[in-house]
Amino acid sequence: GKMCVFQSIMPNMGDGTLRPRENPGIMGTPAEVKLIRPDISWYHETAVEFSRQQISVDMFLFPYQYMDMAALGDLPKYTAGSLKSYVNFQSQRDGARFECELHKTLTTKTAFESVMRIRCTKGMRITNFYGNFNIRGTDLLALPNCNTDSVYGFDLVHDEQSLQTNAVTIQAALLYTSSDGERRIRVMTQALPVVSLGSDVIKSVDAEAMSCLLAKQALEVSLKSNIDKARLKMQQACVDMIRAAKGGDKRTVSGYQVPPPPGGGMGGPNQAATSGEEEKEMPSNLKLLPLYTLAMMKNVAFRGGTDIHPDERVQARHTVGGLFVEDTIQYVYPRMFSIHDMSDNAGRPSEDEDDEVAGRDRILLPKVVNLSVERLSSDGIFLLDNGIDMNIWVGRSVDPQLVSALFGVENLEQHDISQISLQTTGDDFAVRVGAITEALRQDDADPYIIAPRITIVREGDMNAESRFFWFMVEDGASFQGGTYNYSEFMDFVNNPSVSAPAAGPPGAPGMGGRGPPPPGGPPGMGGGPPPPGPPGGMGGMPPPPGG
């Protein structure tokens, strides 16, 4: 069955009682990991018992203060459920999203009493499963509920030095009970060719899928060690892959280059056989891997600093752990649209196959700009969408007619921003923006539309802008391991032996633009001069609220 839990305060009576353990003194230090680990076992033990009884738990939390989601989150994690939170819940702002998510949870097609086992060809073995489940034995995943949003990952490693086969076969079998009470089994089989050249493996790498798996691996690393080491793992994995890709098919043993075998190289006449040959260029399929890695390191789930609330980090960890590939990329590297200068056709249906569109009606989207404060302007309005929440940044010098059309007032400075909402009717501009926000939430494969939480950010609002600037992942950030801007990180990935740049505020001098343009960004915007501080004299990432 399914259990839905609605909670707004920390449990303080009976079994599962929690005690406040929020400790600002360890924020931003390796000891912060204590706040993302549960400090009592009751919720884990209860979740395991629920799993045995085929009960899944979906939690809807409405925190107004610290709730210890690290402990509460064990219930959905080990029962194949989900965790949703609505901080400082306001009906006008959060009501639509909560209603949509609850409706989907209660009505989506679900497989009950499920178990899943994954097998592979002899010579390979499967290790380290990722997702929300309780594992029985060594390889049986217990899933009281399973639906189209369920995402699971695993690591595939060599069990023998060489494979005596031309293909590696992976098979996943899901045994479940349908909502009609029928016991069914679904089997998915995938055959992957075995190759002898490293370059062939590199060509097959999907940067987005790799980034998604790296993020899920890093979640486990952060729990077992600390958040700093999780960021380091992602960074090192990116560096190692790019180094291997640029090194071609050089033979290595235990990390050391060795001469090719007698009779030529391993791959025929085109094989690089000498150690003195120049490295190859970064393969096109991996050019965005450094950008996605940098974005993951600066995501709320992994970023450093003292301004991430423990419950907010835990929610981000559950979000990253439960997203599929495309959704993970959008969550860590959101799209930012320039809407104040969008074309007259933006926000309307388009039949042109070359246009960037969204939604079932093929709504034409505005141009996408890089995630850098350099792209913001005081006379502009920018819509940022990470697939879950939307933020609208409004410059202080925007045309009052646009402000009036979108928000119903001519000047945001004179109003309580919490009482302002996005208008999507009446004015043509507002209607088109409304069509864009709705289209961004439509998916042909998913009949449900989850209304986003839309936050309006005024230029110069210190608290709101400091959080908005977290999404500017192409700029440097003021925490250890996050001081790279995009061009600096590209230089580091290409030349990891060069020492890292000294820690400094965002907008510190860069090292030149040698990175590729981000997805959707116009050519030549992947680097260039160092970005200035954000408009309004913020001077880069502001200090965290409250010091």
Protein backbone atom coordinates (compact mmCIF):
# COMPACT_ATOMS: atom_id res chain seq x y z
CA GLY A 1 0.00 0.00 0.00
CA LYS A 2 0.89 3.66 0.18
CA MET A 3 1.14 6.01 3.16
CA CYS A 4 1.15 9.79 2.78
CA VAL A 5 2.61 11.75 5.68
CA PHE A 6 1.97 15.49 6.13
CA GLN A 7 4.18 17.19 8.72
CA SER A 8 5.00 20.79 9.59
CA ILE A 9 7.04 20.47 12.80
CA MET A 10 9.75 18.20 14.11
CA PRO A 11 8.28 15.05 15.76
CA ASN A 12 8.55 15.66 19.50
CA MET A 13 6.40 12.95 21.12
CA GLY A 14 6.48 9.15 21.32
CA ASP A 15 8.46 6.87 19.03
CA GLY A 16 10.62 8.72 16.55
CA THR A 17 10.99 11.80 18.73
CA LEU A 18 13.72 14.05 17.34
CA ARG A 19 15.81 16.63 19.13
CA PRO A 20 17.04 19.90 17.62
CA ARG A 21 20.61 19.44 16.42
CA GLU A 22 21.02 22.36 14.05
CA ASN A 23 24.56 23.63 14.57
CA PRO A 24 25.63 26.71 12.57
CA GLY A 25 29.15 26.29 13.93
CA ILE A 26 29.87 23.26 11.74
CA MET A 27 28.27 24.63 8.57
CA GLY A 28 30.74 24.74 5.72
CA THR A 29 33.17 22.38 7.50
CA PRO A 30 33.80 18.64 7.01
CA ALA A 31 31.75 18.06 10.18
CA GLU A 32 28.64 19.33 8.40
CA VAL A 33 28.11 15.77 7.21
CA LYS A 34 26.69 15.03 10.68
CA LEU A 35 23.66 17.14 9.77
CA ILE A 36 22.84 15.13 6.64
CA ARG A 37 23.21 11.81 8.47
CA PRO A 38 20.34 10.65 10.68
CA ASP A 39 21.35 10.49 14.34
CA ILE A 40 18.69 7.95 15.35
CA SER A 41 17.91 4.58 13.77
CA TRP A 42 14.15 4.51 14.44
CA TYR A 43 13.14 5.86 11.04
CA HIS A 44 15.45 3.48 9.19
CA GLU A 45 14.26 0.49 11.20
CA THR A 46 10.62 1.50 10.73
CA ALA A 47 11.17 1.95 7.00
CA VAL A 48 12.68 -1.54 6.71
CA GLU A 49 9.64 -2.99 8.51
CA PHE A 50 7.30 -1.00 6.25
CA SER A 51 9.16 -2.40 3.25
CA ARG A 52 8.62 -5.94 4.53
CA GLN A 53 4.90 -5.17 4.80
CA GLN A 54 4.90 -3.67 1.26
CA ILE A 55 4.11 -0.13 2.46
CA SER A 56 5.61 2.88 0.67
CA VAL A 57 5.83 6.28 2.36
CA ASP A 58 5.48 9.62 0.55
CA MET A 59 6.29 12.59 2.78
CA PHE A 60 4.97 16.12 2.29
CA LEU A 61 6.75 18.48 4.67
CA PHE A 62 5.88 22.10 5.39
CA PRO A 63 8.78 23.40 7.51
CA TYR A 64 8.77 26.81 9.13
CA GLN A 65 11.90 25.92 11.09
CA TYR A 66 14.40 23.06 11.33
CA MET A 67 12.69 19.64 11.01
CA ASP A 68 15.66 17.23 10.66
CA MET A 69 14.78 15.94 7.21
CA ALA A 70 17.92 13.82 7.34
CA ALA A 71 16.17 11.52 9.82
CA LEU A 72 12.65 11.83 8.40
CA GLY A 73 13.93 11.14 4.89
CA ASP A 74 14.80 7.53 5.78
CA LEU A 75 11.10 6.64 5.59
CA PRO A 76 10.66 7.43 1.88
CA LYS A 77 14.21 6.41 0.99
CA TYR A 78 13.95 2.81 2.16
CA THR A 79 10.31 2.31 1.15
CA ALA A 80 10.68 3.49 -2.48
CA GLY A 81 8.73 6.65 -1.68
CA SER A 82 9.36 10.34 -2.25
CA LEU A 83 10.12 13.45 -0.18
CA LYS A 84 8.55 16.82 -1.03
CA SER A 85 8.97 19.97 1.02
CA TYR A 86 7.36 23.40 0.86
CA VAL A 87 9.38 25.82 2.97
CA ASN A 88 7.34 28.59 4.60
CA PHE A 89 4.26 27.34 2.79
CA GLN A 90 2.07 30.06 1.32
CA SER A 91 -1.13 29.02 -0.42
CA GLN A 92 -0.82 31.65 -3.16
CA ARG A 93 2.75 30.64 -3.99
CA ASP A 94 2.91 26.92 -3.15
CA GLY A 95 -0.70 25.74 -3.20
CA ALA A 96 -0.89 24.85 -6.89
CA ARG A 97 2.35 22.88 -6.81
CA PHE A 98 1.33 20.96 -3.68
CA GLU A 99 -2.06 20.12 -5.15
CA CYS A 100 -0.49 18.88 -8.40
CA GLU A 101 2.12 16.75 -6.64
CA LEU A 102 -0.39 15.23 -4.24
CA HIS A 103 -2.82 14.47 -7.07
CA LYS A 104 -0.07 12.77 -9.07
CA THR A 105 1.06 10.75 -6.04
CA LEU A 106 -2.45 9.45 -5.43
CA THR A 107 -3.50 8.76 -9.01
CA THR A 108 -0.39 7.81 -10.99
CA LYS A 109 -0.26 4.25 -12.32
CA THR A 110 1.68 2.24 -9.75
CA ALA A 111 3.24 -1.20 -9.51
CA PHE A 112 2.76 -2.63 -6.02
CA GLU A 113 4.70 -5.23 -4.03
CA SER A 114 7.61 -5.00 -6.45
CA VAL A 115 11.05 -6.56 -6.37
CA MET A 116 13.77 -6.01 -8.95
CA ARG A 117 16.95 -7.93 -9.69
CA ILE A 118 19.64 -6.96 -12.22
CA ARG A 119 22.00 -9.51 -13.74
CA CYS A 120 24.89 -9.26 -16.18
CA THR A 121 27.26 -11.34 -18.28
CA LYS A 122 29.86 -13.50 -16.55
CA GLY A 123 33.08 -11.56 -16.15
CA MET A 124 31.23 -8.42 -15.08
CA ARG A 125 29.42 -7.69 -11.85
CA ILE A 126 27.01 -5.09 -10.57
CA THR A 127 27.83 -3.03 -7.51
CA ASN A 128 26.46 0.02 -5.68
CA PHE A 129 22.78 0.47 -6.46
CA TYR A 130 21.36 4.02 -6.38
CA GLY A 131 17.81 5.16 -5.71
CA ASN A 132 15.04 4.73 -3.13
CA PHE A 133 14.72 1.08 -2.11
CA ASN A 134 15.54 -1.46 0.57
CA ILE A 135 18.01 -4.08 -0.58
CA ARG A 136 17.49 -7.68 0.45
CA GLY A 137 20.55 -9.85 0.47
CA THR A 138 23.09 -8.49 -2.01
CA ASP A 139 21.13 -7.74 -5.17
CA LEU A 140 17.35 -7.85 -4.66
CA LEU A 141 15.75 -4.41 -4.58
CA ALA A 142 12.52 -4.29 -2.57
CA LEU A 143 10.13 -1.69 -3.99
CA PRO A 144 6.73 -1.52 -2.26
CA ASN A 145 5.71 1.02 -4.94
CA CYS A 146 7.19 1.60 -8.39
CA ASN A 147 5.98 4.11 -10.99
CA THR A 148 7.15 6.07 -14.01
CA ASP A 149 9.08 8.51 -11.80
CA SER A 150 11.12 5.75 -10.13
CA VAL A 151 14.79 5.97 -11.07
CA TYR A 152 17.51 3.43 -10.23
CA GLY A 153 21.17 3.31 -11.10
CA PHE A 154 24.06 0.94 -10.57
CA ASP A 155 27.77 0.53 -11.21
CA LEU A 156 28.99 -2.13 -13.64
CA VAL A 157 32.57 -3.28 -13.03
CA HIS A 158 34.95 -5.94 -14.31
CA ASP A 159 35.00 -9.14 -12.30
CA GLU A 160 37.64 -10.74 -14.52
CA GLN A 161 40.67 -9.26 -16.25
CA SER A 162 39.38 -10.00 -19.75
CA LEU A 163 36.05 -10.90 -21.27
CA GLN A 164 35.63 -13.93 -23.52
CA THR A 165 32.61 -12.51 -25.29
CA ASN A 166 31.72 -9.94 -27.92
CA ALA A 167 28.94 -8.34 -25.90
CA VAL A 168 28.01 -7.63 -22.30
CA THR A 169 24.36 -8.31 -21.57
CA ILE A 170 22.49 -6.60 -18.74
CA GLN A 171 19.05 -7.78 -17.72
CA ALA A 172 16.66 -6.23 -15.21
CA ALA A 173 13.55 -8.11 -14.09
CA LEU A 174 10.75 -6.35 -12.19
CA LEU A 175 8.16 -8.56 -10.49
CA TYR A 176 5.10 -6.60 -9.36
CA THR A 177 1.36 -6.55 -8.73
CA SER A 178 -0.76 -4.30 -10.93
CA SER A 179 -3.53 -2.09 -9.55
CA ASP A 180 -5.96 -4.77 -10.80
CA GLY A 181 -4.32 -7.37 -8.59
CA GLU A 182 -2.50 -9.19 -11.40
CA ARG A 183 0.97 -10.50 -10.69
CA ARG A 184 3.27 -9.57 -13.58
CA ILE A 185 6.91 -9.57 -14.54
CA ARG A 186 8.65 -7.08 -16.80
CA VAL A 187 12.05 -7.93 -18.24
CA MET A 188 14.39 -5.40 -19.84
CA THR A 189 17.53 -6.63 -21.62
CA GLN A 190 20.36 -4.59 -23.09
CA ALA A 191 23.40 -5.90 -25.00
CA LEU A 192 26.50 -3.71 -25.13
CA PRO A 193 29.37 -4.45 -27.53
CA VAL A 194 32.81 -5.18 -26.12
CA VAL A 195 35.67 -3.18 -27.68
CA SER A 196 39.42 -3.30 -27.24
CA LEU A 197 40.22 0.38 -27.74
CA GLY A 198 39.75 3.04 -25.11
CA SER A 199 38.81 5.55 -27.82
CA ASP A 200 35.81 3.41 -28.77
CA VAL A 201 34.63 3.44 -25.17
CA ILE A 202 35.11 7.22 -24.97
CA LYS A 203 33.05 7.73 -28.14
CA SER A 204 30.13 5.94 -26.55
CA VAL A 205 30.05 8.08 -23.39
CA ASP A 206 26.93 10.21 -22.96
CA ALA A 207 28.00 13.28 -20.99
CA GLU A 208 24.52 13.83 -19.55
CA ALA A 209 24.06 10.22 -18.42
CA MET A 210 27.58 10.20 -17.00
CA SER A 211 26.91 13.41 -15.06
CA CYS A 212 23.68 11.95 -13.67
CA LEU A 213 25.48 8.84 -12.43
CA LEU A 214 28.37 10.87 -11.01
CA ALA A 215 25.89 12.94 -9.01
CA LYS A 216 24.28 9.84 -7.53
CA GLN A 217 27.69 8.36 -6.70
CA ALA A 218 28.70 11.62 -5.04
CA LEU A 219 25.62 11.48 -2.80
CA GLU A 220 26.90 8.21 -1.35
CA VAL A 221 30.44 9.55 -1.00
CA SER A 222 29.22 12.60 0.91
CA LEU A 223 27.41 10.39 3.44
CA LYS A 224 30.34 8.03 3.94
CA SER A 225 32.99 10.77 4.18
CA ASN A 226 31.96 14.42 3.74
CA ILE A 227 30.64 16.90 1.20
CA ASP A 228 34.10 18.22 0.31
CA LYS A 229 35.23 14.75 -0.78
CA ALA A 230 32.05 14.31 -2.82
CA ARG A 231 32.89 17.45 -4.81
CA LEU A 232 36.46 16.24 -5.18
CA LYS A 233 35.27 12.88 -6.51
CA MET A 234 33.18 14.51 -9.22
CA GLN A 235 36.03 16.83 -10.15
CA GLN A 236 38.58 14.01 -10.29
CA ALA A 237 36.27 11.76 -12.30
CA CYS A 238 35.83 14.53 -14.86
CA VAL A 239 39.58 15.15 -15.06
CA ASP A 240 40.33 11.43 -15.43
CA MET A 241 37.81 10.97 -18.23
CA ILE A 242 39.03 13.99 -20.18
CA ARG A 243 42.65 12.90 -19.72
CA ALA A 244 41.82 9.39 -20.95
CA ALA A 245 39.92 10.80 -23.92
CA LYS A 246 42.76 13.12 -24.95
CA GLY A 247 45.35 10.39 -24.42
CA GLY A 248 43.94 8.30 -27.24
CA ASP A 249 44.63 4.56 -27.16
CA LYS A 250 47.87 4.56 -25.22
CA ARG A 251 48.36 1.39 -23.24
CA THR A 252 48.51 1.80 -19.50
CA VAL A 253 49.14 -0.63 -16.68
CA SER A 254 48.29 0.54 -13.18
CA GLY A 255 48.15 4.08 -14.49
CA TYR A 256 51.58 4.02 -16.18
CA GLN A 257 52.07 4.23 -19.92
CA VAL A 258 53.72 1.15 -21.47
CA PRO A 259 54.93 0.43 -25.01
CA PRO A 260 52.48 -1.11 -27.48
CA PRO A 261 52.63 -4.89 -27.96
CA PRO A 262 54.93 -6.33 -30.65
CA GLY A 263 53.62 -6.02 -34.15
CA GLY A 264 52.14 -2.56 -33.83
CA GLY A 265 49.53 -0.86 -31.73
CA MET A 266 46.38 -2.29 -30.32
CA GLY A 267 44.14 -0.77 -32.92
CA GLY A 268 45.80 -1.09 -36.33
CA PRO A 269 47.68 1.42 -38.47
CA ASN A 270 45.87 4.46 -37.10
CA GLN A 271 46.75 3.60 -33.53
CA ALA A 272 49.02 6.04 -31.70
CA ALA A 273 52.11 3.99 -30.92
CA THR A 274 54.58 6.45 -29.56
CA SER A 275 54.58 8.17 -26.23
CA GLY A 276 55.72 11.41 -27.79
CA GLU A 277 52.61 11.91 -29.92
CA GLU A 278 50.58 14.97 -29.03
CA GLU A 279 47.38 14.51 -27.11
CA LYS A 280 44.10 14.56 -28.98
CA GLU A 281 41.50 17.28 -28.65
CA MET A 282 38.64 16.80 -26.24
CA PRO A 283 35.98 14.66 -27.98
CA SER A 284 32.84 16.54 -28.93
CA ASN A 285 30.61 14.22 -26.90
CA LEU A 286 32.51 15.14 -23.70
CA LYS A 287 32.84 18.88 -24.21
CA LEU A 288 29.95 19.66 -21.86
CA LEU A 289 31.06 17.21 -19.16
CA PRO A 290 33.24 19.84 -17.38
CA LEU A 291 30.35 22.32 -17.41
CA TYR A 292 27.93 19.81 -15.92
CA THR A 293 30.53 18.73 -13.35
CA LEU A 294 31.08 22.34 -12.30
CA ALA A 295 27.32 22.84 -12.06
CA MET A 296 26.94 19.74 -9.88
CA MET A 297 29.69 20.91 -7.55
CA LYS A 298 27.81 24.19 -7.07
CA ASN A 299 24.37 22.64 -6.67
CA VAL A 300 22.69 22.95 -3.27
CA ALA A 301 23.21 19.22 -2.70
CA PHE A 302 27.01 19.62 -2.81
CA ARG A 303 28.01 23.28 -2.64
CA GLY A 304 30.05 24.51 0.30
CA GLY A 305 29.64 27.60 2.42
CA THR A 306 27.64 28.42 5.50
CA ASP A 307 24.42 29.59 3.83
CA ILE A 308 22.79 26.22 3.03
CA HIS A 309 20.19 25.18 5.59
CA PRO A 310 20.60 21.48 6.53
CA ASP A 311 17.00 20.63 5.60
CA GLU A 312 17.36 22.42 2.28
CA ARG A 313 20.47 20.39 1.48
CA VAL A 314 18.71 17.14 2.40
CA GLN A 315 15.78 17.99 0.13
CA ALA A 316 18.21 18.73 -2.72
CA ARG A 317 19.92 15.37 -2.10
CA HIS A 318 16.60 13.53 -2.36
CA THR A 319 15.78 15.48 -5.52
CA VAL A 320 19.11 14.65 -7.22
CA GLY A 321 18.82 11.02 -6.15
CA GLY A 322 15.38 10.64 -7.70
CA LEU A 323 15.79 12.41 -11.05
CA PHE A 324 16.35 10.80 -14.44
CA VAL A 325 19.08 11.97 -16.82
CA GLU A 326 17.43 14.93 -18.57
CA ASP A 327 15.81 16.16 -15.36
CA THR A 328 19.11 15.94 -13.48
CA ILE A 329 20.88 18.09 -16.06
CA GLN A 330 18.13 20.71 -15.96
CA TYR A 331 18.18 20.72 -12.15
CA VAL A 332 21.94 21.29 -11.86
CA TYR A 333 22.28 23.46 -14.99
CA PRO A 334 18.98 25.38 -15.35
CA ARG A 335 17.96 27.32 -18.41
CA MET A 336 17.76 31.10 -18.11
CA PHE A 337 15.58 32.88 -20.66
CA SER A 338 15.74 36.55 -21.55
CA ILE A 339 12.05 37.49 -21.73
CA HIS A 340 12.09 41.30 -21.79
CA ASP A 341 13.46 41.32 -25.34
CA MET A 342 11.90 38.12 -26.68
CA SER A 343 10.59 38.11 -30.22
CA ASP A 344 6.93 38.70 -31.04
CA ASN A 345 6.60 34.99 -31.90
CA ALA A 346 8.01 33.75 -28.57
CA GLY A 347 5.25 32.29 -26.42
CA ARG A 348 3.21 31.28 -29.46
CA PRO A 349 2.97 27.91 -31.25
CA SER A 350 5.63 27.29 -33.87
CA GLU A 351 5.68 24.82 -36.75
CA ASP A 352 9.34 25.39 -37.63
CA GLU A 353 11.32 22.22 -36.89
CA ASP A 354 14.47 24.25 -36.24
CA ASP A 355 12.92 26.38 -33.49
CA GLU A 356 13.54 25.73 -29.78
CA VAL A 357 10.07 24.82 -28.53
CA ALA A 358 8.43 23.25 -25.48
CA GLY A 359 5.10 21.73 -24.55
CA ARG A 360 2.43 19.86 -26.46
CA ASP A 361 1.56 22.98 -28.47
CA ARG A 362 5.21 23.55 -29.49
CA ILE A 363 5.48 26.95 -27.82
CA LEU A 364 8.44 28.95 -29.13
CA LEU A 365 10.90 29.71 -26.32
CA PRO A 366 12.88 32.93 -25.85
CA LYS A 367 16.65 32.92 -26.27
CA VAL A 368 18.70 31.17 -23.60
CA VAL A 369 21.57 33.02 -21.95
CA ASN A 370 24.54 31.77 -19.94
CA LEU A 371 24.30 31.27 -16.20
CA SER A 372 26.49 34.22 -15.32
CA VAL A 373 25.74 37.55 -13.68
CA GLU A 374 27.39 39.12 -16.72
CA ARG A 375 24.26 38.25 -18.71
CA LEU A 376 21.91 40.08 -16.35
CA SER A 377 21.07 43.70 -17.06
CA SER A 378 19.20 46.29 -15.03
CA ASP A 379 16.74 46.88 -17.87
CA GLY A 380 15.98 43.17 -18.27
CA ILE A 381 13.69 40.41 -17.00
CA PHE A 382 15.05 36.86 -16.89
CA LEU A 383 13.20 33.59 -16.28
CA LEU A 384 15.26 30.78 -14.75
CA ASP A 385 13.84 27.26 -14.73
CA ASN A 386 15.49 24.25 -13.06
CA GLY A 387 12.64 21.86 -13.79
CA ILE A 388 11.14 22.18 -10.30
CA ASP A 389 11.13 25.86 -9.35
CA MET A 390 11.15 29.02 -11.44
CA ASN A 391 12.78 32.33 -10.59
CA ILE A 392 12.05 35.63 -12.32
CA TRP A 393 14.82 38.22 -11.89
CA VAL A 394 13.64 41.78 -12.51
CA GLY A 395 16.09 44.64 -13.04
CA ARG A 396 15.42 47.98 -11.38
CA SER A 397 15.34 49.86 -14.71
CA VAL A 398 12.86 47.64 -16.54
CA ASP A 399 10.18 49.24 -18.67
CA PRO A 400 7.26 49.91 -16.26
CA GLN A 401 4.80 48.68 -18.90
CA LEU A 402 6.41 45.23 -18.84
CA VAL A 403 6.39 45.17 -15.04
CA SER A 404 2.74 46.19 -14.99
CA ALA A 405 1.84 43.54 -17.56
CA LEU A 406 3.56 40.73 -15.63
CA PHE A 407 2.92 41.69 -12.02
CA GLY A 408 0.00 44.12 -12.00
CA VAL A 409 2.07 47.00 -10.55
CA GLU A 410 4.39 49.48 -12.24
CA ASN A 411 7.12 49.45 -9.60
CA LEU A 412 8.10 46.42 -7.50
CA GLU A 413 10.16 48.55 -5.13
CA GLN A 414 7.04 50.00 -3.52
CA HIS A 415 5.34 46.67 -2.80
CA ASP A 416 5.81 43.61 -0.61
CA ILE A 417 7.31 41.12 -3.05
CA SER A 418 5.73 38.18 -1.21
CA GLN A 419 2.31 39.54 -2.17
CA ILE A 420 3.17 39.88 -5.86
CA SER A 421 2.41 37.05 -8.28
CA LEU A 422 2.95 36.45 -11.98
CA GLN A 423 0.01 37.55 -14.15
CA THR A 424 -0.71 35.28 -17.13
CA THR A 425 -3.88 36.84 -18.52
CA GLY A 426 -4.95 40.14 -20.04
CA ASP A 427 -1.89 41.73 -21.66
CA ASP A 428 -0.43 39.92 -24.69
CA PHE A 429 3.05 39.90 -23.16
CA ALA A 430 1.75 38.30 -19.94
CA VAL A 431 -0.23 35.71 -21.90
CA ARG A 432 2.87 34.70 -23.87
CA VAL A 433 5.01 34.46 -20.72
CA GLY A 434 2.25 32.35 -19.13
CA ALA A 435 2.26 30.06 -22.17
CA ILE A 436 6.02 29.66 -21.83
CA THR A 437 5.91 28.78 -18.12
CA GLU A 438 3.14 26.24 -18.75
CA ALA A 439 4.87 24.71 -21.77
CA LEU A 440 8.08 24.23 -19.79
CA ARG A 441 6.16 21.90 -17.46
CA GLN A 442 4.53 19.79 -20.17
CA ASP A 443 5.98 16.44 -21.14
CA ASP A 444 4.58 14.24 -23.90
CA ALA A 445 5.52 11.15 -21.86
CA ASP A 446 3.84 12.39 -18.68
CA PRO A 447 0.14 13.30 -18.57
CA TYR A 448 0.63 15.19 -15.30
CA ILE A 449 1.65 18.86 -15.19
CA ILE A 450 3.28 20.00 -11.95
CA ALA A 451 2.76 23.71 -11.38
CA PRO A 452 6.09 25.37 -10.48
CA ARG A 453 6.81 27.53 -7.49
CA ILE A 454 7.60 30.93 -9.01
CA THR A 455 9.83 33.26 -7.01
CA ILE A 456 10.18 36.91 -8.01
CA VAL A 457 13.62 38.40 -7.37
CA ARG A 458 14.17 42.16 -7.46
CA GLU A 459 17.55 43.53 -8.37
CA GLY A 460 19.17 44.78 -5.17
CA ASP A 461 17.23 42.47 -2.83
CA MET A 462 20.21 41.05 -0.93
CA ASN A 463 18.56 37.95 0.51
CA ALA A 464 16.68 36.93 -2.62
CA GLU A 465 19.57 37.69 -4.97
CA SER A 466 22.09 35.77 -2.89
CA ARG A 467 20.04 32.63 -3.45
CA PHE A 468 19.39 33.44 -7.10
CA PHE A 469 23.14 33.76 -7.67
CA TRP A 470 23.60 30.15 -6.54
CA PHE A 471 22.31 29.25 -9.99
CA MET A 472 25.02 31.31 -11.72
CA VAL A 473 27.29 28.27 -11.90
CA GLU A 474 29.55 29.73 -14.59
CA ASP A 475 30.80 32.32 -12.11
CA GLY A 476 33.10 31.66 -9.20
CA ALA A 477 31.62 31.06 -5.76
CA SER A 478 33.03 31.85 -2.33
CA PHE A 479 33.53 28.35 -0.96
CA GLN A 480 36.47 25.96 -1.13
CA GLY A 481 36.40 24.01 -4.38
CA GLY A 482 33.87 26.38 -5.92
CA THR A 483 36.07 29.37 -6.71
CA TYR A 484 36.48 28.29 -10.34
CA ASN A 485 34.53 30.11 -12.97
CA TYR A 486 33.76 28.17 -16.13
CA SER A 487 36.84 29.19 -18.13
CA GLU A 488 39.13 28.54 -15.14
CA PHE A 489 37.62 25.11 -14.64
CA MET A 490 38.11 24.28 -18.31
CA ASP A 491 41.76 25.27 -17.98
CA PHE A 492 42.09 23.08 -14.90
CA VAL A 493 40.48 20.08 -16.61
CA ASN A 494 42.79 20.47 -19.61
CA ASN A 495 45.84 21.06 -17.41
CA PRO A 496 45.17 19.46 -14.01
CA SER A 497 48.82 19.71 -13.01
CA VAL A 498 48.49 23.51 -12.91
CA SER A 499 47.63 24.73 -9.42
CA ALA A 500 44.09 25.87 -8.76
CA PRO A 501 43.36 29.60 -8.72
CA ALA A 502 43.45 31.28 -5.36
CA ALA A 503 40.13 31.55 -3.58
CA GLY A 504 38.38 34.78 -4.27
CA PRO A 505 35.00 36.35 -4.85
CA PRO A 506 33.04 35.77 -8.02
CA GLY A 507 34.22 37.89 -10.86
CA ALA A 508 37.89 37.42 -9.99
CA PRO A 509 40.12 37.60 -13.06
CA GLY A 510 39.75 34.49 -15.17
CA MET A 511 42.17 32.66 -17.39
CA GLY A 512 40.59 33.27 -20.75
CA GLY A 513 37.66 31.63 -22.50
CA ARG A 514 38.68 28.22 -23.67
CA GLY A 515 35.49 26.33 -22.82
CA PRO A 516 32.71 25.47 -25.26
CA PRO A 517 29.50 27.48 -25.08
CA PRO A 518 26.93 26.03 -22.68
CA PRO A 519 23.77 24.39 -24.04
CA GLY A 520 21.55 26.94 -25.73
CA GLY A 521 24.11 29.71 -25.37
CA PRO A 522 25.22 31.64 -28.44
CA PRO A 523 28.67 30.85 -29.82
CA GLY A 524 31.53 32.55 -28.12
CA MET A 525 29.82 32.94 -24.76
CA GLY A 526 31.68 30.10 -23.07
CA GLY A 527 34.39 32.30 -21.70
CA GLY A 528 35.75 35.70 -22.58
CA PRO A 529 36.53 38.48 -20.14
CA PRO A 530 35.90 37.91 -16.45
CA PRO A 531 32.29 38.67 -15.51
CA PRO A 532 31.68 41.83 -13.51
CA GLY A 533 29.72 41.87 -10.30
CA PRO A 534 25.94 41.65 -10.60
CA PRO A 535 23.94 44.76 -11.44
CA GLY A 536 23.20 47.07 -8.58
CA GLY A 537 26.68 47.11 -7.12
CA MET A 538 26.44 43.67 -5.46
CA GLY A 539 30.07 42.98 -6.30
CA GLY A 540 29.69 39.25 -6.80
CA MET A 541 28.22 36.67 -4.46
CA PRO A 542 27.11 38.49 -1.33
CA PRO A 543 27.92 37.19 2.12
CA PRO A 544 25.41 34.64 3.44
CA PRO A 545 22.43 36.08 5.29
CA GLY A 546 23.12 36.44 8.96
CA GLY A 547 26.88 36.07 8.52
